[in-house]
Structure formats: structure tokens, C-alpha cells
Amino acid sequence: MAEDKVKLTVRLPAQLHQVLKERAVEYNVSLNQIMVDTLTTELLPEIREETDGEKFDRVLRESGLLVEMGPEWDRLIGDESEIPSVAEVREMLRGIPLSDWIIEDRGPR
């Protein structure tokens, strides 16, 4: 049975819209999907369905292919543990496609 859907127009503060867009890019989902997931998580946690990404992570954890890194990992990687933001990565790439950076980094075959 298909779930009923309602179309809704919402006015958001620009900063909130930007945060939602960045999260959608981070999770590789649509802006609509990230908004539905966020609202469902916050407002309807008891009926929230597992997302594909969450299911993927769960299956990997259950199979032993994904493990949480402990303090020993933090010690090994040291100060390099900060992950750049989407804006920082865009600035680093300076408009050059990521595939070009990967090919350049890989070097000639």
C-alpha cells in the first residue's frame, strides 16, 4: 500500500536552508529526503524507518566489516583528525573536478 504524501511549501531562514543542503550533499540524498528524515527523527522517533544508509552501516557493523575506532586510533592519527567542511573542500578544489585531482594524484599508469 502506497503511503499518502502531501506537498508543502515552507519558508526557511537562509542559514537553515544552507545547513540542510550541506547535510543532503554529505549524505548524498535529496534536500527533500534530508528534511523528511530530520523531521521524522525529531518528531516521530517511534515510527521512524531505517534509511538505506543506516541499514548499510548496520549490516556492515553486524558483519564485522565496520567497527568504531577507539582512542588508540585518535592517538595514531594525531592532529590530522579534523575533516574539512564541504565549503573547505570546494575551496581546495578551486572548481577543478574531483576526478581530475584523483587522476593527477594517482600519476601516470
PDB file of N, CA and C in Angstrom:
ATOM      1  N   MET A   1       0.843  -1.179   0.000  1.00  0.00           N
ATOM      2  CA  MET A   1       0.000   0.000   0.000  1.00  0.00           C
ATOM      3  C   MET A   1       0.892   1.247   0.000  1.00  0.00           C
ATOM      4  N   ALA A   2       0.662   2.160  -0.922  1.00  0.00           N
ATOM      5  CA  ALA A   2       1.475   3.365  -1.027  1.00  0.00           C
ATOM      6  C   ALA A   2       1.129   4.341   0.092  1.00  0.00           C
ATOM      7  N   GLU A   3       2.157   4.999   0.590  1.00  0.00           N
ATOM      8  CA  GLU A   3       1.968   5.971   1.660  1.00  0.00           C
ATOM      9  C   GLU A   3       1.450   7.278   1.067  1.00  0.00           C
ATOM     10  N   ASP A   4       0.488   7.898   1.751  1.00  0.00           N
ATOM     11  CA  ASP A   4      -0.024   9.185   1.293  1.00  0.00           C
ATOM     12  C   ASP A   4       1.051  10.245   1.454  1.00  0.00           C
ATOM     13  N   LYS A   5       1.149  11.117   0.487  1.00  0.00           N
ATOM     14  CA  LYS A   5       2.125  12.207   0.506  1.00  0.00           C
ATOM     15  C   LYS A   5       1.382  13.533   0.400  1.00  0.00           C
ATOM     16  N   VAL A   6       1.935  14.571   1.016  1.00  0.00           N
ATOM     17  CA  VAL A   6       1.377  15.913   0.965  1.00  0.00           C
ATOM     18  C   VAL A   6       2.472  16.850   0.498  1.00  0.00           C
ATOM     19  N   LYS A   7       2.155  17.698  -0.473  1.00  0.00           N
ATOM     20  CA  LYS A   7       3.103  18.694  -0.941  1.00  0.00           C
ATOM     21  C   LYS A   7       2.973  19.916  -0.058  1.00  0.00           C
ATOM     22  N   LEU A   8       4.124  20.467   0.381  1.00  0.00           N
ATOM     23  CA  LEU A   8       4.132  21.577   1.328  1.00  0.00           C
ATOM     24  C   LEU A   8       5.199  22.578   0.926  1.00  0.00           C
ATOM     25  N   THR A   9       4.847  23.836   0.916  1.00  0.00           N
ATOM     26  CA  THR A   9       5.810  24.895   0.672  1.00  0.00           C
ATOM     27  C   THR A   9       6.171  25.516   2.012  1.00  0.00           C
ATOM     28  N   VAL A  10       7.477  25.623   2.284  1.00  0.00           N
ATOM     29  CA  VAL A  10       7.939  26.119   3.573  1.00  0.00           C
ATOM     30  C   VAL A  10       8.954  27.230   3.343  1.00  0.00           C
ATOM     31  N   ARG A  11       8.858  28.280   4.118  1.00  0.00           N
ATOM     32  CA  ARG A  11       9.851  29.354   4.084  1.00  0.00           C
ATOM     33  C   ARG A  11      10.835  29.101   5.224  1.00  0.00           C
ATOM     34  N   LEU A  12      12.112  29.003   4.877  1.00  0.00           N
ATOM     35  CA  LEU A  12      13.154  28.718   5.857  1.00  0.00           C
ATOM     36  C   LEU A  12      14.134  29.883   5.937  1.00  0.00           C
ATOM     37  N   PRO A  13      14.737  30.090   7.094  1.00  0.00           N
ATOM     38  CA  PRO A  13      15.844  31.042   7.166  1.00  0.00           C
ATOM     39  C   PRO A  13      16.977  30.544   6.256  1.00  0.00           C
ATOM     40  N   ALA A  14      17.666  31.466   5.616  1.00  0.00           N
ATOM     41  CA  ALA A  14      18.716  31.102   4.659  1.00  0.00           C
ATOM     42  C   ALA A  14      19.779  30.219   5.295  1.00  0.00           C
ATOM     43  N   GLN A  15      20.144  30.494   6.533  1.00  0.00           N
ATOM     44  CA  GLN A  15      21.181  29.708   7.198  1.00  0.00           C
ATOM     45  C   GLN A  15      20.725  28.256   7.410  1.00  0.00           C
ATOM     46  N   LEU A  16      19.484  28.057   7.797  1.00  0.00           N
ATOM     47  CA  LEU A  16      18.946  26.714   7.974  1.00  0.00           C
ATOM     48  C   LEU A  16      18.898  25.976   6.639  1.00  0.00           C
ATOM     49  N   HIS A  17      18.494  26.671   5.594  1.00  0.00           N
ATOM     50  CA  HIS A  17      18.454  26.076   4.257  1.00  0.00           C
ATOM     51  C   HIS A  17      19.847  25.612   3.847  1.00  0.00           C
ATOM     52  N   GLN A  18      20.857  26.438   4.112  1.00  0.00           N
ATOM     53  CA  GLN A  18      22.236  26.085   3.757  1.00  0.00           C
ATOM     54  C   GLN A  18      22.707  24.849   4.525  1.00  0.00           C
ATOM     55  N   VAL A  19      22.386  24.782   5.813  1.00  0.00           N
ATOM     56  CA  VAL A  19      22.775  23.624   6.631  1.00  0.00           C
ATOM     57  C   VAL A  19      22.114  22.358   6.090  1.00  0.00           C
ATOM     58  N   LEU A  20      20.836  22.447   5.741  1.00  0.00           N
ATOM     59  CA  LEU A  20      20.129  21.288   5.190  1.00  0.00           C
ATOM     60  C   LEU A  20      20.728  20.851   3.851  1.00  0.00           C
ATOM     61  N   LYS A  21      21.065  21.822   2.995  1.00  0.00           N
ATOM     62  CA  LYS A  21      21.677  21.490   1.707  1.00  0.00           C
ATOM     63  C   LYS A  21      23.018  20.790   1.905  1.00  0.00           C
ATOM     64  N   GLU A  22      23.832  21.297   2.837  1.00  0.00           N
ATOM     65  CA  GLU A  22      25.137  20.686   3.091  1.00  0.00           C
ATOM     66  C   GLU A  22      24.981  19.268   3.632  1.00  0.00           C
ATOM     67  N   ARG A  23      23.997  19.064   4.507  1.00  0.00           N
ATOM     68  CA  ARG A  23      23.761  17.728   5.054  1.00  0.00           C
ATOM     69  C   ARG A  23      23.286  16.784   3.952  1.00  0.00           C
ATOM     70  N   ALA A  24      22.444  17.281   3.046  1.00  0.00           N
ATOM     71  CA  ALA A  24      21.974  16.446   1.933  1.00  0.00           C
ATOM     72  C   ALA A  24      23.144  16.026   1.048  1.00  0.00           C
ATOM     73  N   VAL A  25      24.066  16.948   0.782  1.00  0.00           N
ATOM     74  CA  VAL A  25      25.256  16.613  -0.010  1.00  0.00           C
ATOM     75  C   VAL A  25      26.111  15.602   0.744  1.00  0.00           C
ATOM     76  N   GLU A  26      26.289  15.817   2.043  1.00  0.00           N
ATOM     77  CA  GLU A  26      27.099  14.920   2.864  1.00  0.00           C
ATOM     78  C   GLU A  26      26.566  13.493   2.836  1.00  0.00           C
ATOM     79  N   TYR A  27      25.245  13.338   2.893  1.00  0.00           N
ATOM     80  CA  TYR A  27      24.637  12.012   2.916  1.00  0.00           C
ATOM     81  C   TYR A  27      24.210  11.535   1.528  1.00  0.00           C
ATOM     82  N   ASN A  28      24.476  12.361   0.521  1.00  0.00           N
ATOM     83  CA  ASN A  28      24.164  12.001  -0.870  1.00  0.00           C
ATOM     84  C   ASN A  28      22.686  11.659  -1.050  1.00  0.00           C
ATOM     85  N   VAL A  29      21.827  12.522  -0.502  1.00  0.00           N
ATOM     86  CA  VAL A  29      20.379  12.380  -0.657  1.00  0.00           C
ATOM     87  C   VAL A  29      19.809  13.728  -1.081  1.00  0.00           C
ATOM     88  N   SER A  30      18.549  13.732  -1.473  1.00  0.00           N
ATOM     89  CA  SER A  30      17.910  14.975  -1.888  1.00  0.00           C
ATOM     90  C   SER A  30      17.629  15.868  -0.679  1.00  0.00           C
ATOM     91  N   LEU A  31      17.450  17.145  -0.944  1.00  0.00           N
ATOM     92  CA  LEU A  31      17.088  18.086   0.111  1.00  0.00           C
ATOM     93  C   LEU A  31      15.764  17.673   0.737  1.00  0.00           C
ATOM     94  N   ASN A  32      14.816  17.237  -0.076  1.00  0.00           N
ATOM     95  CA  ASN A  32      13.531  16.758   0.431  1.00  0.00           C
ATOM     96  C   ASN A  32      13.733  15.586   1.393  1.00  0.00           C
ATOM     97  N   GLN A  33      14.576  14.630   1.000  1.00  0.00           N
ATOM     98  CA  GLN A  33      14.782  13.443   1.830  1.00  0.00           C
ATOM     99  C   GLN A  33      15.432  13.795   3.168  1.00  0.00           C
ATOM    100  N   ILE A  34      16.390  14.713   3.155  1.00  0.00           N
ATOM    101  CA  ILE A  34      17.055  15.069   4.418  1.00  0.00           C
ATOM    102  C   ILE A  34      16.072  15.786   5.334  1.00  0.00           C
ATOM    103  N   MET A  35      15.167  16.583   4.759  1.00  0.00           N
ATOM    104  CA  MET A  35      14.170  17.270   5.578  1.00  0.00           C
ATOM    105  C   MET A  35      13.174  16.263   6.168  1.00  0.00           C
ATOM    106  N   VAL A  36      12.711  15.313   5.360  1.00  0.00           N
ATOM    107  CA  VAL A  36      11.783  14.290   5.849  1.00  0.00           C
ATOM    108  C   VAL A  36      12.456  13.458   6.938  1.00  0.00           C
ATOM    109  N   ASP A  37      13.701  13.039   6.702  1.00  0.00           N
ATOM    110  CA  ASP A  37      14.425  12.230   7.691  1.00  0.00           C
ATOM    111  C   ASP A  37      14.609  12.989   9.001  1.00  0.00           C
ATOM    112  N   THR A  38      14.994  14.267   8.907  1.00  0.00           N
ATOM    113  CA  THR A  38      15.233  15.073  10.108  1.00  0.00           C
ATOM    114  C   THR A  38      13.943  15.283  10.885  1.00  0.00           C
ATOM    115  N   LEU A  39      12.875  15.639  10.190  1.00  0.00           N
ATOM    116  CA  LEU A  39      11.590  15.834  10.874  1.00  0.00           C
ATOM    117  C   LEU A  39      11.084  14.539  11.484  1.00  0.00           C
ATOM    118  N   THR A  40      11.237  13.442  10.754  1.00  0.00           N
ATOM    119  CA  THR A  40      10.787  12.147  11.273  1.00  0.00           C
ATOM    120  C   THR A  40      11.573  11.766  12.520  1.00  0.00           C
ATOM    121  N   THR A  41      12.869  11.958  12.476  1.00  0.00           N
ATOM    122  CA  THR A  41      13.717  11.620  13.622  1.00  0.00           C
ATOM    123  C   THR A  41      13.325  12.424  14.848  1.00  0.00           C
ATOM    124  N   GLU A  42      13.069  13.709  14.658  1.00  0.00           N
ATOM    125  CA  GLU A  42      12.779  14.590  15.787  1.00  0.00           C
ATOM    126  C   GLU A  42      11.339  14.487  16.281  1.00  0.00           C
ATOM    127  N   LEU A  43      10.407  14.311  15.369  1.00  0.00           N
ATOM    128  CA  LEU A  43       9.000  14.376  15.752  1.00  0.00           C
ATOM    129  C   LEU A  43       8.319  13.018  15.896  1.00  0.00           C
ATOM    130  N   LEU A  44       8.799  12.038  15.161  1.00  0.00           N
ATOM    131  CA  LEU A  44       8.140  10.729  15.180  1.00  0.00           C
ATOM    132  C   LEU A  44       9.155   9.600  15.368  1.00  0.00           C
ATOM    133  N   PRO A  45       9.973   9.654  16.400  1.00  0.00           N
ATOM    134  CA  PRO A  45      11.033   8.656  16.529  1.00  0.00           C
ATOM    135  C   PRO A  45      10.518   7.224  16.653  1.00  0.00           C
ATOM    136  N   GLU A  46       9.327   7.041  17.200  1.00  0.00           N
ATOM    137  CA  GLU A  46       8.824   5.681  17.390  1.00  0.00           C
ATOM    138  C   GLU A  46       8.388   5.022  16.088  1.00  0.00           C
ATOM    139  N   ILE A  47       8.111   5.806  15.024  1.00  0.00           N
ATOM    140  CA  ILE A  47       7.701   5.195  13.758  1.00  0.00           C
ATOM    141  C   ILE A  47       8.725   5.418  12.655  1.00  0.00           C
ATOM    142  N   ARG A  48       9.851   5.961  13.014  1.00  0.00           N
ATOM    143  CA  ARG A  48      10.889   6.269  12.035  1.00  0.00           C
ATOM    144  C   ARG A  48      11.432   4.990  11.399  1.00  0.00           C
ATOM    145  N   GLU A  49      11.489   4.976  10.075  1.00  0.00           N
ATOM    146  CA  GLU A  49      12.040   3.846   9.356  1.00  0.00           C
ATOM    147  C   GLU A  49      13.542   4.029   9.180  1.00  0.00           C
ATOM    148  N   GLU A  50      14.242   2.928   9.121  1.00  0.00           N
ATOM    149  CA  GLU A  50      15.684   2.944   8.907  1.00  0.00           C
ATOM    150  C   GLU A  50      15.971   3.395   7.474  1.00  0.00           C
ATOM    151  N   THR A  51      16.871   4.368   7.316  1.00  0.00           N
ATOM    152  CA  THR A  51      17.243   4.816   5.979  1.00  0.00           C
ATOM    153  C   THR A  51      18.163   3.784   5.339  1.00  0.00           C
ATOM    154  N   ASP A  52      18.352   3.895   4.028  1.00  0.00           N
ATOM    155  CA  ASP A  52      19.247   2.975   3.334  1.00  0.00           C
ATOM    156  C   ASP A  52      20.668   3.077   3.894  1.00  0.00           C
ATOM    157  N   GLY A  53      21.117   4.304   4.171  1.00  0.00           N
ATOM    158  CA  GLY A  53      22.454   4.499   4.725  1.00  0.00           C
ATOM    159  C   GLY A  53      22.603   3.863   6.094  1.00  0.00           C
ATOM    160  N   GLU A  54      21.574   4.030   6.935  1.00  0.00           N
ATOM    161  CA  GLU A  54      21.606   3.422   8.265  1.00  0.00           C
ATOM    162  C   GLU A  54      21.597   1.894   8.162  1.00  0.00           C
ATOM    163  N   LYS A  55      20.799   1.375   7.249  1.00  0.00           N
ATOM    164  CA  LYS A  55      20.747  -0.078   7.057  1.00  0.00           C
ATOM    165  C   LYS A  55      22.104  -0.593   6.591  1.00  0.00           C
ATOM    166  N   PHE A  56      22.721   0.133   5.668  1.00  0.00           N
ATOM    167  CA  PHE A  56      24.038  -0.224   5.153  1.00  0.00           C
ATOM    168  C   PHE A  56      25.056  -0.279   6.291  1.00  0.00           C
ATOM    169  N   ASP A  57      25.084   0.778   7.128  1.00  0.00           N
ATOM    170  CA  ASP A  57      26.001   0.820   8.278  1.00  0.00           C
ATOM    171  C   ASP A  57      25.718  -0.326   9.244  1.00  0.00           C
ATOM    172  N   ARG A  58      24.445  -0.583   9.530  1.00  0.00           N
ATOM    173  CA  ARG A  58      24.077  -1.644  10.461  1.00  0.00           C
ATOM    174  C   ARG A  58      24.546  -3.006   9.958  1.00  0.00           C
ATOM    175  N   VAL A  59      24.313  -3.281   8.672  1.00  0.00           N
ATOM    176  CA  VAL A  59      24.714  -4.566   8.098  1.00  0.00           C
ATOM    177  C   VAL A  59      26.238  -4.714   8.151  1.00  0.00           C
ATOM    178  N   LEU A  60      26.963  -3.646   7.836  1.00  0.00           N
ATOM    179  CA  LEU A  60      28.424  -3.704   7.904  1.00  0.00           C
ATOM    180  C   LEU A  60      28.908  -3.943   9.332  1.00  0.00           C
ATOM    181  N   ARG A  61      28.285  -3.258  10.315  1.00  0.00           N
ATOM    182  CA  ARG A  61      28.663  -3.459  11.718  1.00  0.00           C
ATOM    183  C   ARG A  61      28.369  -4.888  12.157  1.00  0.00           C
ATOM    184  N   GLU A  62      27.197  -5.392  11.811  1.00  0.00           N
ATOM    185  CA  GLU A  62      26.807  -6.745  12.208  1.00  0.00           C
ATOM    186  C   GLU A  62      27.712  -7.807  11.586  1.00  0.00           C
ATOM    187  N   SER A  63      28.236  -7.527  10.397  1.00  0.00           N
ATOM    188  CA  SER A  63      29.114  -8.487   9.729  1.00  0.00           C
ATOM    189  C   SER A  63      30.566  -8.346  10.173  1.00  0.00           C
ATOM    190  N   GLY A  64      30.859  -7.312  10.962  1.00  0.00           N
ATOM    191  CA  GLY A  64      32.223  -7.099  11.430  1.00  0.00           C
ATOM    192  C   GLY A  64      33.088  -6.311  10.464  1.00  0.00           C
ATOM    193  N   LEU A  65      32.499  -5.813   9.368  1.00  0.00           N
ATOM    194  CA  LEU A  65      33.269  -5.049   8.386  1.00  0.00           C
ATOM    195  C   LEU A  65      33.377  -3.569   8.724  1.00  0.00           C
ATOM    196  N   LEU A  66      32.595  -3.126   9.704  1.00  0.00           N
ATOM    197  CA  LEU A  66      32.642  -1.736  10.136  1.00  0.00           C
ATOM    198  C   LEU A  66      32.733  -1.714  11.652  1.00  0.00           C
ATOM    199  N   VAL A  67      33.791  -1.125  12.146  1.00  0.00           N
ATOM    200  CA  VAL A  67      33.978  -1.051  13.599  1.00  0.00           C
ATOM    201  C   VAL A  67      34.256   0.392  13.991  1.00  0.00           C
ATOM    202  N   GLU A  68      33.860   0.730  15.207  1.00  0.00           N
ATOM    203  CA  GLU A  68      34.146   2.061  15.721  1.00  0.00           C
ATOM    204  C   GLU A  68      35.611   2.135  16.126  1.00  0.00           C
ATOM    205  N   MET A  69      36.250   3.231  15.783  1.00  0.00           N
ATOM    206  CA  MET A  69      37.642   3.418  16.144  1.00  0.00           C
ATOM    207  C   MET A  69      37.730   3.964  17.559  1.00  0.00           C
ATOM    208  N   GLY A  70      38.565   3.399  18.353  1.00  0.00           N
ATOM    209  CA  GLY A  70      38.709   3.819  19.743  1.00  0.00           C
ATOM    210  C   GLY A  70      39.786   4.871  19.923  1.00  0.00           C
ATOM    211  N   PRO A  71      40.131   5.162  21.166  1.00  0.00           N
ATOM    212  CA  PRO A  71      41.136   6.187  21.473  1.00  0.00           C
ATOM    213  C   PRO A  71      42.497   5.882  20.866  1.00  0.00           C
ATOM    214  N   GLU A  72      42.812   4.595  20.687  1.00  0.00           N
ATOM    215  CA  GLU A  72      44.123   4.255  20.099  1.00  0.00           C
ATOM    216  C   GLU A  72      44.235   4.783  18.676  1.00  0.00           C
ATOM    217  N   TRP A  73      43.115   4.817  17.956  1.00  0.00           N
ATOM    218  CA  TRP A  73      43.106   5.370  16.597  1.00  0.00           C
ATOM    219  C   TRP A  73      43.351   6.881  16.641  1.00  0.00           C
ATOM    220  N   ASP A  74      42.703   7.568  17.565  1.00  0.00           N
ATOM    221  CA  ASP A  74      42.905   9.005  17.713  1.00  0.00           C
ATOM    222  C   ASP A  74      44.374   9.315  17.971  1.00  0.00           C
ATOM    223  N   ARG A  75      45.020   8.488  18.770  1.00  0.00           N
ATOM    224  CA  ARG A  75      46.431   8.693  19.079  1.00  0.00           C
ATOM    225  C   ARG A  75      47.283   8.501  17.822  1.00  0.00           C
ATOM    226  N   LEU A  76      46.922   7.521  16.984  1.00  0.00           N
ATOM    227  CA  LEU A  76      47.688   7.238  15.775  1.00  0.00           C
ATOM    228  C   LEU A  76      47.588   8.352  14.743  1.00  0.00           C
ATOM    229  N   ILE A  77      46.393   8.918  14.578  1.00  0.00           N
ATOM    230  CA  ILE A  77      46.224   9.935  13.533  1.00  0.00           C
ATOM    231  C   ILE A  77      46.552  11.335  14.019  1.00  0.00           C
ATOM    232  N   GLY A  78      46.633  11.532  15.322  1.00  0.00           N
ATOM    233  CA  GLY A  78      47.059  12.810  15.875  1.00  0.00           C
ATOM    234  C   GLY A  78      46.182  13.969  15.472  1.00  0.00           C
ATOM    235  N   ASP A  79      46.813  15.060  15.076  1.00  0.00           N
ATOM    236  CA  ASP A  79      46.102  16.306  14.763  1.00  0.00           C
ATOM    237  C   ASP A  79      45.407  16.273  13.413  1.00  0.00           C
ATOM    238  N   GLU A  80      45.604  15.227  12.623  1.00  0.00           N
ATOM    239  CA  GLU A  80      45.005  15.154  11.296  1.00  0.00           C
ATOM    240  C   GLU A  80      43.577  14.641  11.344  1.00  0.00           C
ATOM    241  N   SER A  81      42.960  14.617  12.520  1.00  0.00           N
ATOM    242  CA  SER A  81      41.624  14.049  12.663  1.00  0.00           C
ATOM    243  C   SER A  81      40.509  14.980  12.215  1.00  0.00           C
ATOM    244  N   GLU A  82      40.821  16.249  11.947  1.00  0.00           N
ATOM    245  CA  GLU A  82      39.775  17.176  11.532  1.00  0.00           C
ATOM    246  C   GLU A  82      39.420  16.958  10.068  1.00  0.00           C
ATOM    247  N   ILE A  83      38.149  16.748   9.821  1.00  0.00           N
ATOM    248  CA  ILE A  83      37.652  16.544   8.467  1.00  0.00           C
ATOM    249  C   ILE A  83      37.203  17.899   7.935  1.00  0.00           C
ATOM    250  N   PRO A  84      37.639  18.268   6.728  1.00  0.00           N
ATOM    251  CA  PRO A  84      37.257  19.575   6.199  1.00  0.00           C
ATOM    252  C   PRO A  84      35.757  19.637   5.893  1.00  0.00           C
ATOM    253  N   SER A  85      35.206  20.835   5.970  1.00  0.00           N
ATOM    254  CA  SER A  85      33.798  21.028   5.642  1.00  0.00           C
ATOM    255  C   SER A  85      33.628  20.991   4.123  1.00  0.00           C
ATOM    256  N   VAL A  86      32.385  20.933   3.686  1.00  0.00           N
ATOM    257  CA  VAL A  86      32.093  20.939   2.250  1.00  0.00           C
ATOM    258  C   VAL A  86      32.647  22.211   1.613  1.00  0.00           C
ATOM    259  N   ALA A  87      32.471  23.337   2.286  1.00  0.00           N
ATOM    260  CA  ALA A  87      32.974  24.616   1.754  1.00  0.00           C
ATOM    261  C   ALA A  87      34.494  24.595   1.637  1.00  0.00           C
ATOM    262  N   GLU A  88      35.177  24.015   2.626  1.00  0.00           N
ATOM    263  CA  GLU A  88      36.643  23.949   2.583  1.00  0.00           C
ATOM    264  C   GLU A  88      37.126  23.059   1.435  1.00  0.00           C
ATOM    265  N   VAL A  89      36.431  21.967   1.200  1.00  0.00           N
ATOM    266  CA  VAL A  89      36.806  21.073   0.096  1.00  0.00           C
ATOM    267  C   VAL A  89      36.602  21.774  -1.236  1.00  0.00           C
ATOM    268  N   ARG A  90      35.473  22.473  -1.372  1.00  0.00           N
ATOM    269  CA  ARG A  90      35.230  23.217  -2.622  1.00  0.00           C
ATOM    270  C   ARG A  90      36.330  24.246  -2.861  1.00  0.00           C
ATOM    271  N   GLU A  91      36.752  24.917  -1.792  1.00  0.00           N
ATOM    272  CA  GLU A  91      37.815  25.920  -1.910  1.00  0.00           C
ATOM    273  C   GLU A  91      39.125  25.247  -2.317  1.00  0.00           C
ATOM    274  N   MET A  92      39.419  24.081  -1.729  1.00  0.00           N
ATOM    275  CA  MET A  92      40.651  23.358  -2.062  1.00  0.00           C
ATOM    276  C   MET A  92      40.650  22.924  -3.532  1.00  0.00           C
ATOM    277  N   LEU A  93      39.496  22.487  -4.034  1.00  0.00           N
ATOM    278  CA  LEU A  93      39.412  22.005  -5.409  1.00  0.00           C
ATOM    279  C   LEU A  93      39.425  23.140  -6.421  1.00  0.00           C
ATOM    280  N   ARG A  94      39.033  24.338  -5.991  1.00  0.00           N
ATOM    281  CA  ARG A  94      39.029  25.530  -6.841  1.00  0.00           C
ATOM    282  C   ARG A  94      38.334  25.307  -8.185  1.00  0.00           C
ATOM    283  N   GLY A  95      37.198  24.595  -8.159  1.00  0.00           N
ATOM    284  CA  GLY A  95      36.414  24.407  -9.371  1.00  0.00           C
ATOM    285  C   GLY A  95      36.898  23.297 -10.278  1.00  0.00           C
ATOM    286  N   ILE A  96      38.020  22.666  -9.942  1.00  0.00           N
ATOM    287  CA  ILE A  96      38.530  21.568 -10.762  1.00  0.00           C
ATOM    288  C   ILE A  96      37.779  20.297 -10.362  1.00  0.00           C
ATOM    289  N   PRO A  97      37.281  19.517 -11.328  1.00  0.00           N
ATOM    290  CA  PRO A  97      36.554  18.295 -10.987  1.00  0.00           C
ATOM    291  C   PRO A  97      37.398  17.346 -10.126  1.00  0.00           C
ATOM    292  N   LEU A  98      36.763  16.731  -9.168  1.00  0.00           N
ATOM    293  CA  LEU A  98      37.455  15.818  -8.259  1.00  0.00           C
ATOM    294  C   LEU A  98      38.159  14.707  -9.024  1.00  0.00           C
ATOM    295  N   SER A  99      37.552  14.231 -10.103  1.00  0.00           N
ATOM    296  CA  SER A  99      38.169  13.156 -10.885  1.00  0.00           C
ATOM    297  C   SER A  99      39.534  13.588 -11.429  1.00  0.00           C
ATOM    298  N   ASP A 100      39.669  14.861 -11.829  1.00  0.00           N
ATOM    299  CA  ASP A 100      40.964  15.351 -12.315  1.00  0.00           C
ATOM    300  C   ASP A 100      42.009  15.322 -11.209  1.00  0.00           C
ATOM    301  N   TRP A 101      41.615  15.684  -9.985  1.00  0.00           N
ATOM    302  CA  TRP A 101      42.542  15.647  -8.836  1.00  0.00           C
ATOM    303  C   TRP A 101      42.970  14.213  -8.558  1.00  0.00           C
ATOM    304  N   ILE A 102      42.035  13.283  -8.630  1.00  0.00           N
ATOM    305  CA  ILE A 102      42.358  11.885  -8.347  1.00  0.00           C
ATOM    306  C   ILE A 102      43.326  11.350  -9.388  1.00  0.00           C
ATOM    307  N   ILE A 103      43.078  11.644 -10.666  1.00  0.00           N
ATOM    308  CA  ILE A 103      43.953  11.178 -11.743  1.00  0.00           C
ATOM    309  C   ILE A 103      45.340  11.790 -11.577  1.00  0.00           C
ATOM    310  N   GLU A 104      45.399  13.080 -11.255  1.00  0.00           N
ATOM    311  CA  GLU A 104      46.687  13.739 -11.066  1.00  0.00           C
ATOM    312  C   GLU A 104      47.444  13.141  -9.881  1.00  0.00           C
ATOM    313  N   ASP A 105      46.729  12.885  -8.785  1.00  0.00           N
ATOM    314  CA  ASP A 105      47.352  12.319  -7.591  1.00  0.00           C
ATOM    315  C   ASP A 105      47.852  10.899  -7.851  1.00  0.00           C
ATOM    316  N   ARG A 106      47.103  10.138  -8.657  1.00  0.00           N
ATOM    317  CA  ARG A 106      47.457   8.751  -8.955  1.00  0.00           C
ATOM    318  C   ARG A 106      48.707   8.683  -9.820  1.00  0.00           C
ATOM    319  N   GLY A 107      48.879   9.672 -10.695  1.00  0.00           N
ATOM    320  CA  GLY A 107      50.061   9.693 -11.570  1.00  0.00           C
ATOM    321  C   GLY A 107      49.872   8.841 -12.797  1.00  0.00           C
ATOM    322  N   PRO A 108      50.892   8.822 -13.676  1.00  0.00           N
ATOM    323  CA  PRO A 108      50.778   8.043 -14.910  1.00  0.00           C
ATOM    324  C   PRO A 108      50.763   6.546 -14.614  1.00  0.00           C
ATOM    325  N   ARG A 109      50.079   5.815 -15.473  1.00  0.00           N
ATOM    326  CA  ARG A 109      49.990   4.346 -15.319  1.00  0.00           C
ATOM    327  C   ARG A 109      51.111   3.661 -16.028  1.00  0.00           C
TER     328      ARG A 109
END
